[in-house]
Protein backbone atom coordinates (compact mmCIF):
# COMPACT_ATOMS: atom_id res chain seq x y z
CA MET A 1 -18.11 3.70 5.73
CA THR A 2 -18.30 3.63 9.57
CA ASP A 3 -16.00 5.67 11.77
CA GLN A 4 -14.17 2.69 12.72
CA GLN A 5 -13.79 1.74 9.14
CA ILE A 6 -12.38 5.13 8.31
CA ALA A 7 -10.20 5.47 11.24
CA ASP A 8 -8.85 1.91 10.51
CA LEU A 9 -8.10 3.02 6.81
CA GLY A 10 -6.16 5.97 8.16
CA LEU A 11 -4.06 3.79 10.43
CA HIS A 12 -3.24 1.51 7.23
CA ALA A 13 -2.62 4.49 5.04
CA ARG A 14 -0.11 5.82 7.68
CA ASN A 15 2.01 2.51 7.88
CA VAL A 16 2.13 2.68 4.19
CA LEU A 17 3.55 6.25 4.49
CA GLU A 18 5.99 5.23 6.94
CA ASN A 19 7.16 2.19 5.14
CA PRO A 20 10.72 2.82 3.53
CA ALA A 21 9.97 1.03 0.60
CA PHE A 22 6.90 2.87 -0.26
CA ASN A 23 8.87 6.13 0.29
CA GLU A 24 11.60 5.07 -1.94
CA ALA A 25 8.95 3.96 -4.72
CA MET A 26 7.25 7.29 -4.43
CA LYS A 27 10.64 9.14 -4.75
CA ARG A 28 11.47 6.88 -7.67
CA LEU A 29 7.89 7.81 -9.63
CA HIS A 30 8.41 11.40 -8.90
CA ASP A 31 11.92 11.31 -10.48
CA LEU A 32 10.64 9.36 -13.37
CA ALA A 33 7.73 11.92 -13.88
CA HIS A 34 10.36 14.66 -13.67
CA GLN A 35 12.80 12.86 -16.21
CA ALA A 36 10.02 12.31 -18.47
CA PHE A 37 8.99 16.08 -18.40
CA LYS A 38 12.64 16.90 -19.21
CA LYS A 39 12.99 14.56 -22.23
CA THR A 40 9.86 15.97 -23.86
CA ASP A 41 10.95 18.65 -26.49
CA LEU A 42 9.19 21.93 -25.95
CA ARG A 43 7.35 21.70 -29.21
CA ASP A 44 5.66 18.35 -28.49
CA ALA A 45 2.36 19.84 -26.77
CA GLU A 46 0.88 16.47 -26.58
CA GLY A 47 4.04 14.98 -24.83
CA LEU A 48 4.23 17.96 -22.58
CA LYS A 49 0.54 17.59 -21.76
CA LEU A 50 1.12 13.59 -20.80
CA ALA A 51 4.08 14.26 -18.80
CA ARG A 52 2.06 16.91 -16.67
CA GLN A 53 -0.52 14.57 -16.19
CA PHE A 54 1.86 11.87 -15.36
CA GLN A 55 3.32 14.24 -12.51
CA ALA A 56 -0.48 15.20 -11.40
CA VAL A 57 -1.49 11.45 -11.05
CA THR A 58 1.74 11.07 -8.84
CA ASP A 59 1.14 14.07 -6.76
CA ASP A 60 -2.66 13.34 -6.32
CA PHE A 61 -2.00 9.87 -5.46
CA GLU A 62 0.45 10.74 -2.48
CA ALA A 63 -1.99 13.54 -1.54
CA ILE A 64 -5.10 10.70 -1.19
CA MET A 65 -2.91 8.81 0.96
CA ARG A 66 -2.11 11.49 3.29
CA ARG A 67 -5.82 12.83 3.40
CA MET A 68 -6.90 9.22 4.51
CA VAL A 69 -4.43 9.56 7.26
CA GLU A 70 -5.74 12.75 8.36
CA GLY A 71 -9.56 11.57 7.94
CA GLY A 72 -8.64 8.42 10.02
CA LYS A 73 -7.49 10.70 12.78
CA MET A 74 -10.60 12.72 12.78
CA ALA A 75 -12.65 9.44 12.96
CA GLN A 76 -10.46 8.21 15.89
CA ILE A 77 -11.19 11.33 17.64
CA LYS A 78 -15.13 11.06 16.75
CA LEU A 79 -15.07 7.57 18.21
CA ASP A 80 -12.98 8.38 21.21
CA GLN A 81 -15.50 11.32 22.25
CA HIS A 82 -18.35 8.76 21.96
CA ARG A 83 -16.63 6.00 24.09
CA ASP A 84 -17.97 5.33 27.68
CA GLU A 85 -14.37 4.98 29.17
CA SER A 86 -12.31 7.06 31.35
CA ARG A 87 -10.00 9.97 30.09
CA VAL A 88 -6.65 7.66 31.18
CA LYS A 89 -8.09 4.86 29.02
CA ARG A 90 -8.85 7.08 25.99
CA VAL A 91 -5.22 8.77 26.15
CA TYR A 92 -3.61 5.15 26.63
CA ASN A 93 -5.44 3.99 23.45
CA ARG A 94 -4.71 6.94 21.50
CA PHE A 95 -1.02 6.39 22.28
CA THR A 96 -1.02 2.61 21.85
CA ARG A 97 -2.62 2.50 18.51
């Protein structure tokens, strides 16, 4: 991927993470994973393992989205460094995107 594609992807990921519907869906998913764990009998090793995996996948998905945002920020910094434009215009572009 090019730096521009990574920067764009990061911007899209940030928009998703700031979306109230997405945040509510993630909250419900975390709650669902927690409830699945609580409902599992302590003697059910396989059930506990599956509940833990469900929670891990939920956490991993959210972490991936956050890393995409950070990667996009870094790619944008690299792009800004290589642009041939004035410092004022770079600052303006950073705050308008």
